Amino acid sequence: MDKFTLLQIATNLDLSSLKFEGQGGGSNPVFIGILAGLLLAVLCVVVYLMWTRRVRMLERSALRDEARLRLLFSEAGLEEQDRESLAALAESNEARDLMPLMSIRTAFEGVVEQFRQNFPGHAALRKVPRLRQRLGYGFGNPRNPFTSTRMLPAGIRMQCTIPHPKRTVRYLTAIIGINEASFYVRPPTSRGKAVDLTRFSELNFSVSRENDAEYEFDAKILGQTQHGAPAVAIEHTTAIRKLLYRAAPRSPVSIDGHFFVVKEEFASEKRHKAFKRNESQFSLPGHIVDLSLGGLRIMAVAPETRPAEGDIIVFQLPQARIKDDLVAEVLYTEAPTPNEFQMHLRFVGIKELDRLKLNKYLQMQRESEQEAEAQASAAQ
């Protein structure tokens, strides 16, 4: 007989019908006390069995959560010291409290923000940048919207614009260190010495993410080291502007080149995007007539063998000081005249450093155009 049957019998028993005649008549209080005690004992046993069953279920659930958490740690390449940091942020070492931080970016950032406000100088905050990158919550994961400069990894290259009153000064730099309070970049050099940027209140930065967009933001300067390796401390910001490549302004150029064509059927067989000229099936001379961060337009004399939509074009652009081969996909083609052939292309798989060099080249082109227009207006 199981515990539920005993409970049913005990609860359905009608005590009022059990009357025993004693010497003086009436009910027997001794028997009623024994029966009440038996009922209480049955209830206690049932409650105990239910409680122990619940405890075992919780223990099994905790073991499953712990196993899943260890698997997540293994997949992310995290160590025991990382768990200690995560537990400090969550103020709990229970697997059920830590797992949401391992799989939900908003949960992780919410806990970090609250902890940063409550304990701004805590040692656990020094581990956050590494945790953020290892968990896939950083800038390198295109599924994450770029909402804060805290997402940037150390080593990423950016273009920096200095708001000089007389002329625009741009240079390429990289993040050499980052924490939850600020990030650090190299200053430019002049005559072998680091330029002091503390006379400016803020700097403008632009950074690109492959197959996504270019992002731009302004950030305040917190200070600059005066001794040792030069570094500029920059305050984090969430005021980030997204500039789509497809909406990137085109600059008219006049660049002759030779363009190597990898047909779509051959390109689709390869998993990489870093195509080389020796992988092409044929080539043709052409002329770049406009260029942007997102792509370019090529004019050519109508060839016998023409590239088609989906084909890959491999070429070089030494004018922008880019040493590697650039790769672009043909979006569509057109023939304005019987002797002309145009290709509209979109860059694919371009490296971040090459994109920054291209951006700098395009800005120089636009500045040259503006100076020429100003001189022409002055001459008139």
Protein backbone atom coordinates (compact mmCIF):
# COMPACT_ATOMS: atom_id res chain seq x y z
CA MET A 1 0.00 0.00 0.00
CA ASP A 2 1.65 3.33 -1.09
CA LYS A 3 1.66 6.63 0.77
CA PHE A 4 -1.13 8.16 -1.30
CA THR A 5 -3.54 5.28 -0.48
CA LEU A 6 -2.79 5.65 3.23
CA LEU A 7 -3.45 9.37 3.00
CA GLN A 8 -6.77 8.81 1.24
CA ILE A 9 -7.94 6.29 3.83
CA ALA A 10 -6.90 8.56 6.67
CA THR A 11 -8.65 11.62 5.32
CA ASN A 12 -11.89 9.84 4.37
CA LEU A 13 -12.32 8.17 7.76
CA ASP A 14 -15.51 9.35 9.56
CA LEU A 15 -14.58 9.56 13.23
CA SER A 16 -18.10 10.57 14.27
CA SER A 17 -19.45 7.10 13.47
CA LEU A 18 -17.00 5.36 15.77
CA LYS A 19 -18.68 5.26 19.15
CA PHE A 20 -17.79 2.74 21.83
CA GLU A 21 -19.85 2.23 24.96
CA GLY A 22 -17.89 2.40 28.16
CA GLN A 23 -19.00 1.91 31.72
CA GLY A 24 -20.39 5.42 31.79
CA GLY A 25 -21.50 5.49 28.12
CA GLY A 26 -20.29 7.88 25.36
CA SER A 27 -17.17 7.78 23.16
CA ASN A 28 -13.83 6.35 24.23
CA PRO A 29 -11.34 9.26 24.43
CA VAL A 30 -8.32 6.93 24.53
CA PHE A 31 -9.19 5.32 21.20
CA ILE A 32 -9.86 8.68 19.57
CA GLY A 33 -6.46 9.95 20.77
CA ILE A 34 -4.74 6.86 19.36
CA LEU A 35 -6.52 7.26 16.04
CA ALA A 36 -5.67 10.97 15.83
CA GLY A 37 -2.03 10.17 16.59
CA LEU A 38 -2.02 7.54 13.84
CA LEU A 39 -3.44 10.01 11.36
CA LEU A 40 -0.83 12.60 12.34
CA ALA A 41 1.93 10.02 11.94
CA VAL A 42 0.67 9.11 8.45
CA LEU A 43 0.59 12.77 7.47
CA CYS A 44 4.14 13.28 8.76
CA VAL A 45 5.38 10.27 6.78
CA VAL A 46 3.70 11.55 3.61
CA VAL A 47 5.14 15.04 4.08
CA TYR A 48 8.60 13.60 4.74
CA LEU A 49 8.47 11.39 1.64
CA MET A 50 7.33 14.29 -0.51
CA TRP A 51 10.06 16.52 0.90
CA THR A 52 12.82 13.96 0.31
CA ARG A 53 11.53 13.40 -3.23
CA ARG A 54 11.64 17.14 -3.86
CA VAL A 55 15.18 17.34 -2.48
CA ARG A 56 16.33 14.52 -4.77
CA MET A 57 14.76 16.24 -7.78
CA LEU A 58 16.52 19.50 -6.93
CA GLU A 59 19.81 17.67 -6.47
CA ARG A 60 19.46 15.94 -9.84
CA SER A 61 18.52 19.28 -11.48
CA ALA A 62 21.53 20.95 -9.88
CA LEU A 63 23.81 18.19 -11.17
CA ARG A 64 22.40 18.61 -14.69
CA ASP A 65 22.84 22.39 -14.51
CA GLU A 66 26.41 21.96 -13.30
CA ALA A 67 27.20 19.57 -16.16
CA ARG A 68 25.73 21.98 -18.72
CA LEU A 69 27.65 24.89 -17.19
CA ARG A 70 30.94 22.99 -17.37
CA LEU A 71 30.22 22.18 -21.01
CA LEU A 72 29.61 25.87 -21.76
CA PHE A 73 32.86 26.77 -20.01
CA SER A 74 34.73 24.18 -22.03
CA GLU A 75 33.27 25.40 -25.33
CA ALA A 76 34.17 29.01 -24.48
CA GLY A 77 37.70 28.08 -23.40
CA LEU A 78 37.18 29.44 -19.91
CA GLU A 79 38.97 28.31 -16.78
CA GLU A 80 38.12 27.97 -13.09
CA GLN A 81 39.37 31.49 -12.37
CA ASP A 82 36.90 32.78 -14.97
CA ARG A 83 34.11 31.08 -13.07
CA GLU A 84 35.23 32.85 -9.92
CA SER A 85 35.01 36.18 -11.74
CA LEU A 86 31.59 35.34 -13.16
CA ALA A 87 30.38 34.22 -9.73
CA ALA A 88 31.59 37.50 -8.23
CA LEU A 89 29.63 39.47 -10.83
CA ALA A 90 26.48 37.42 -10.28
CA GLU A 91 27.04 37.27 -6.50
CA SER A 92 26.31 33.54 -6.73
CA ASN A 93 28.23 30.40 -7.62
CA GLU A 94 25.13 28.35 -8.41
CA ALA A 95 25.02 26.93 -11.94
CA ARG A 96 21.40 28.03 -12.42
CA ASP A 97 22.44 31.66 -11.78
CA LEU A 98 25.55 31.54 -13.97
CA MET A 99 24.12 29.77 -17.04
CA PRO A 100 22.00 32.73 -18.25
CA LEU A 101 25.13 34.89 -18.23
CA MET A 102 26.85 32.31 -20.43
CA SER A 103 24.17 32.23 -23.11
CA ILE A 104 22.24 35.54 -23.01
CA ARG A 105 24.21 38.68 -23.83
CA THR A 106 21.71 41.11 -22.32
CA ALA A 107 21.74 39.16 -19.05
CA PHE A 108 25.54 39.32 -18.92
CA GLU A 109 25.72 43.04 -19.72
CA GLY A 110 22.94 43.83 -17.24
CA VAL A 111 24.77 42.08 -14.41
CA VAL A 112 28.07 43.74 -15.37
CA GLU A 113 26.52 47.21 -15.49
CA GLN A 114 24.90 46.79 -12.08
CA PHE A 115 28.11 45.43 -10.59
CA ARG A 116 30.11 48.28 -12.15
CA GLN A 117 27.83 50.83 -10.53
CA ASN A 118 27.89 49.14 -7.12
CA PHE A 119 31.57 48.19 -7.02
CA PRO A 120 33.49 50.43 -9.48
CA GLY A 121 36.93 49.41 -8.20
CA HIS A 122 36.34 45.68 -7.76
CA ALA A 123 39.05 43.34 -9.06
CA ALA A 124 36.46 41.19 -10.88
CA LEU A 125 35.89 44.03 -13.37
CA ARG A 126 39.39 43.52 -14.76
CA LYS A 127 38.29 40.10 -16.03
CA VAL A 128 35.17 41.38 -17.80
CA PRO A 129 36.77 42.35 -21.18
CA ARG A 130 38.22 38.85 -21.57
CA LEU A 131 34.96 37.21 -20.50
CA ARG A 132 32.99 39.35 -22.94
CA GLN A 133 35.16 38.30 -25.89
CA ARG A 134 35.32 34.61 -24.91
CA LEU A 135 31.54 34.42 -24.52
CA GLY A 136 31.02 35.85 -28.00
CA TYR A 137 29.52 39.13 -26.79
CA GLY A 138 32.17 41.33 -28.38
CA PHE A 139 32.43 43.42 -31.53
CA GLY A 140 33.78 40.51 -33.57
CA ASN A 141 30.44 38.68 -33.49
CA PRO A 142 28.25 40.30 -36.19
CA ARG A 143 25.10 39.05 -34.46
CA ASN A 144 25.74 41.52 -31.66
CA PRO A 145 24.62 45.09 -32.30
CA PHE A 146 27.54 47.42 -31.63
CA THR A 147 26.14 49.51 -28.78
CA SER A 148 29.17 50.24 -26.59
CA THR A 149 32.91 50.68 -27.06
CA ARG A 150 33.38 48.18 -24.23
CA MET A 151 32.68 45.53 -26.87
CA LEU A 152 35.87 46.38 -28.79
CA PRO A 153 38.73 43.89 -28.40
CA ALA A 154 42.33 44.79 -27.70
CA GLY A 155 44.36 44.92 -30.90
CA ILE A 156 41.58 46.08 -33.22
CA ARG A 157 42.63 48.78 -35.69
CA MET A 158 40.68 52.01 -36.03
CA GLN A 159 41.00 55.26 -37.88
CA CYS A 160 41.33 58.27 -35.60
CA THR A 161 40.49 61.83 -36.63
CA ILE A 162 42.01 64.67 -34.61
CA PRO A 163 39.92 67.89 -34.60
CA HIS A 164 42.81 70.18 -35.48
CA PRO A 165 41.59 73.78 -35.98
CA LYS A 166 43.64 74.35 -39.16
CA ARG A 167 43.42 71.01 -40.94
CA THR A 168 41.95 67.54 -40.52
CA VAL A 169 44.50 65.05 -39.20
CA ARG A 170 43.82 61.31 -39.54
CA TYR A 171 45.95 58.35 -38.61
CA LEU A 172 45.58 54.61 -38.07
CA THR A 173 45.81 53.37 -34.51
CA ALA A 174 44.94 50.30 -32.47
CA ILE A 175 43.55 49.57 -29.02
CA ILE A 176 46.50 48.53 -26.86
CA GLY A 177 44.49 48.01 -23.69
CA ILE A 178 40.91 48.08 -22.49
CA ASN A 179 38.98 47.86 -19.23
CA GLU A 180 35.48 48.71 -18.08
CA ALA A 181 36.39 52.36 -17.47
CA SER A 182 38.36 53.25 -20.61
CA PHE A 183 40.41 52.03 -23.54
CA TYR A 184 43.91 53.03 -24.64
CA VAL A 185 45.28 53.86 -28.09
CA ARG A 186 48.64 54.87 -29.50
CA PRO A 187 49.03 58.59 -30.28
CA PRO A 188 50.51 59.71 -33.60
CA THR A 189 54.18 60.64 -33.80
CA SER A 190 55.88 63.74 -35.15
CA ARG A 191 59.64 63.79 -35.68
CA GLY A 192 59.94 60.57 -33.74
CA LYS A 193 58.05 61.80 -30.68
CA ALA A 194 54.51 61.08 -29.55
CA VAL A 195 52.08 63.95 -30.13
CA ASP A 196 50.40 65.25 -26.99
CA LEU A 197 46.65 64.93 -27.58
CA THR A 198 45.49 66.20 -24.18
CA ARG A 199 44.97 69.69 -25.65
CA PHE A 200 41.95 68.25 -27.44
CA SER A 201 38.79 67.33 -25.57
CA GLU A 202 37.77 64.38 -27.75
CA LEU A 203 38.71 62.30 -30.77
CA ASN A 204 36.68 60.79 -33.58
CA PHE A 205 37.06 57.09 -34.36
CA SER A 206 35.81 54.87 -37.15
CA VAL A 207 35.95 51.09 -37.15
CA SER A 208 34.62 48.53 -39.63
CA ARG A 209 33.12 45.09 -39.17
CA GLU A 210 33.42 42.65 -42.04
CA ASN A 211 30.23 42.10 -44.04
CA ASP A 212 28.38 44.48 -41.77
CA ALA A 213 29.06 48.21 -41.71
CA GLU A 214 31.39 50.97 -40.68
CA TYR A 215 30.82 52.55 -37.27
CA GLU A 216 31.79 56.00 -36.09
CA PHE A 217 31.88 57.55 -32.63
CA ASP A 218 33.31 60.48 -30.69
CA ALA A 219 34.99 59.82 -27.35
CA LYS A 220 36.49 62.01 -24.64
CA ILE A 221 40.19 62.03 -23.86
CA LEU A 222 40.90 61.18 -20.21
CA GLY A 223 44.68 61.61 -20.29
CA GLN A 224 47.97 60.55 -21.83
CA THR A 225 50.97 58.79 -20.35
CA GLN A 226 54.06 60.95 -20.04
CA HIS A 227 56.55 58.18 -19.36
CA GLY A 228 57.18 54.77 -20.88
CA ALA A 229 55.17 53.59 -23.87
CA PRO A 230 52.90 56.43 -25.04
CA ALA A 231 49.18 55.76 -24.68
CA VAL A 232 46.05 57.90 -24.71
CA ALA A 233 43.23 56.99 -22.31
CA ILE A 234 39.80 57.28 -23.93
CA GLU A 235 36.46 57.23 -22.10
CA HIS A 236 33.93 54.62 -23.22
CA THR A 237 30.83 55.74 -25.09
CA THR A 238 27.52 54.32 -26.25
CA ALA A 239 26.85 57.11 -28.79
CA ILE A 240 27.77 55.06 -31.87
CA ARG A 241 26.68 55.79 -35.43
CA LYS A 242 26.28 53.03 -38.00
CA LEU A 243 27.21 53.78 -41.61
CA LEU A 244 26.09 51.12 -44.08
CA TYR A 245 28.63 50.17 -46.74
CA ARG A 246 25.94 50.14 -49.41
CA ALA A 247 25.22 53.77 -48.56
CA ALA A 248 28.90 54.73 -48.51
CA PRO A 249 29.59 57.79 -50.67
CA ARG A 250 31.29 57.07 -53.99
CA SER A 251 34.32 58.99 -55.09
CA PRO A 252 35.08 59.44 -58.79
CA VAL A 253 38.54 58.07 -59.59
CA SER A 254 40.54 57.20 -62.66
CA ILE A 255 42.58 54.06 -62.01
CA ASP A 256 43.77 51.64 -64.67
CA GLY A 257 44.14 48.00 -63.68
CA HIS A 258 44.03 44.38 -64.67
CA PHE A 259 41.13 42.33 -63.32
CA PHE A 260 41.18 38.57 -62.83
CA VAL A 261 37.87 36.70 -63.03
CA VAL A 262 36.91 33.62 -60.99
CA LYS A 263 33.69 32.25 -62.42
CA GLU A 264 30.81 31.73 -60.02
CA GLU A 265 30.73 27.96 -60.51
CA PHE A 266 34.38 27.72 -59.45
CA ALA A 267 34.06 30.28 -56.65
CA SER A 268 31.10 28.43 -55.09
CA GLU A 269 33.25 25.31 -54.69
CA LYS A 270 35.65 27.16 -52.40
CA ARG A 271 34.87 27.97 -48.80
CA HIS A 272 37.33 30.83 -48.47
CA LYS A 273 36.96 34.43 -49.64
CA ALA A 274 40.67 35.22 -50.03
CA PHE A 275 40.83 34.43 -53.74
CA LYS A 276 44.11 34.83 -55.60
CA ARG A 277 44.84 35.84 -59.16
CA ASN A 278 46.18 32.38 -60.01
CA GLU A 279 42.73 30.94 -59.26
CA SER A 280 41.10 32.91 -62.08
CA GLN A 281 39.87 31.49 -65.39
CA PHE A 282 40.60 34.62 -67.43
CA SER A 283 41.45 38.32 -67.02
CA LEU A 284 40.74 41.62 -68.72
CA PRO A 285 42.09 45.18 -68.60
CA GLY A 286 39.78 47.85 -67.24
CA HIS A 287 39.42 51.24 -65.64
CA ILE A 288 38.00 52.02 -62.17
CA VAL A 289 35.72 55.02 -62.54
CA ASP A 290 34.29 55.25 -59.01
CA LEU A 291 35.19 53.74 -55.66
CA SER A 292 33.69 53.50 -52.17
CA LEU A 293 34.09 51.50 -48.98
CA GLY A 294 31.40 49.16 -50.21
CA GLY A 295 32.53 48.55 -53.77
CA LEU A 296 33.50 50.00 -57.14
CA ARG A 297 32.53 50.41 -60.78
CA ILE A 298 34.78 49.27 -63.59
CA MET A 299 34.63 50.36 -67.21
CA ALA A 300 36.18 48.15 -69.90
CA VAL A 301 36.23 47.79 -73.64
CA ALA A 302 33.60 45.16 -74.46
CA PRO A 303 35.49 41.85 -74.14
CA GLU A 304 34.69 38.62 -75.94
CA THR A 305 34.49 36.74 -72.64
CA ARG A 306 32.58 38.79 -70.12
CA PRO A 307 32.19 38.44 -66.35
CA ALA A 308 28.64 37.79 -65.19
CA GLU A 309 26.62 38.41 -62.04
CA GLY A 310 28.00 36.34 -59.16
CA ASP A 311 31.53 36.07 -60.56
CA ILE A 312 34.51 37.07 -58.40
CA ILE A 313 36.97 39.78 -59.46
CA VAL A 314 40.49 39.82 -58.02
CA PHE A 315 42.62 42.94 -58.44
CA GLN A 316 45.15 45.20 -56.74
CA LEU A 317 44.95 48.80 -55.61
CA PRO A 318 48.46 50.04 -54.87
CA GLN A 319 47.21 53.65 -55.03
CA ALA A 320 45.69 53.07 -51.58
CA ARG A 321 48.92 51.41 -50.34
CA ILE A 322 47.15 48.06 -50.13
CA LYS A 323 49.57 45.22 -50.81
CA ASP A 324 47.14 42.29 -50.74
CA ASP A 325 44.80 41.26 -53.52
CA LEU A 326 41.33 42.75 -53.18
CA VAL A 327 38.27 40.60 -53.86
CA ALA A 328 34.88 41.81 -55.09
CA GLU A 329 31.71 40.15 -56.34
CA VAL A 330 29.94 41.23 -59.53
CA LEU A 331 26.49 42.55 -58.61
CA TYR A 332 25.39 43.34 -62.14
CA THR A 333 26.78 44.37 -65.54
CA GLU A 334 25.65 46.71 -68.28
CA ALA A 335 26.74 47.87 -71.75
CA PRO A 336 26.07 51.59 -72.26
CA THR A 337 27.38 51.36 -75.82
CA PRO A 338 28.35 48.46 -78.10
CA ASN A 339 32.02 49.06 -77.33
CA GLU A 340 31.67 49.62 -73.56
CA PHE A 341 31.18 47.19 -70.70
CA GLN A 342 30.58 48.14 -67.06
CA MET A 343 30.71 46.05 -63.90
CA HIS A 344 29.26 47.07 -60.54
CA LEU A 345 31.09 45.22 -57.76
CA ARG A 346 30.83 44.76 -53.99
CA PHE A 347 33.84 44.05 -51.80
CA VAL A 348 33.89 40.68 -50.00
CA GLY A 349 36.26 39.44 -47.31
CA ILE A 350 38.27 42.66 -47.15
CA LYS A 351 40.67 42.82 -44.21
CA GLU A 352 40.15 45.46 -41.57
CA LEU A 353 43.55 47.09 -42.15
CA ASP A 354 42.94 47.20 -45.90
CA ARG A 355 39.53 48.77 -45.33
CA LEU A 356 41.07 51.44 -43.14
CA LYS A 357 43.69 52.17 -45.80
CA LEU A 358 40.96 52.36 -48.43
CA ASN A 359 38.95 54.73 -46.26
CA LYS A 360 41.96 56.98 -45.80
CA TYR A 361 42.60 56.99 -49.54
CA LEU A 362 39.00 57.93 -50.28
CA GLN A 363 39.06 60.76 -47.75
CA MET A 364 42.23 62.11 -49.32
CA GLN A 365 40.53 61.95 -52.72
CA ARG A 366 37.53 63.92 -51.43
CA GLU A 367 39.77 66.50 -49.78
CA SER A 368 41.71 66.93 -53.03
CA GLU A 369 38.45 67.45 -54.90
CA GLN A 370 37.32 70.07 -52.38
CA GLU A 371 40.64 71.94 -52.63
CA ALA A 372 40.45 71.88 -56.42
CA GLU A 373 36.91 73.25 -56.33
CA ALA A 374 37.96 75.96 -53.88
CA GLN A 375 40.89 76.98 -56.10
CA ALA A 376 38.64 77.03 -59.16
CA SER A 377 36.14 79.23 -57.37
CA ALA A 378 38.92 81.57 -56.21
CA ALA A 379 40.27 81.79 -59.75
CA GLN A 380 36.87 82.87 -61.05
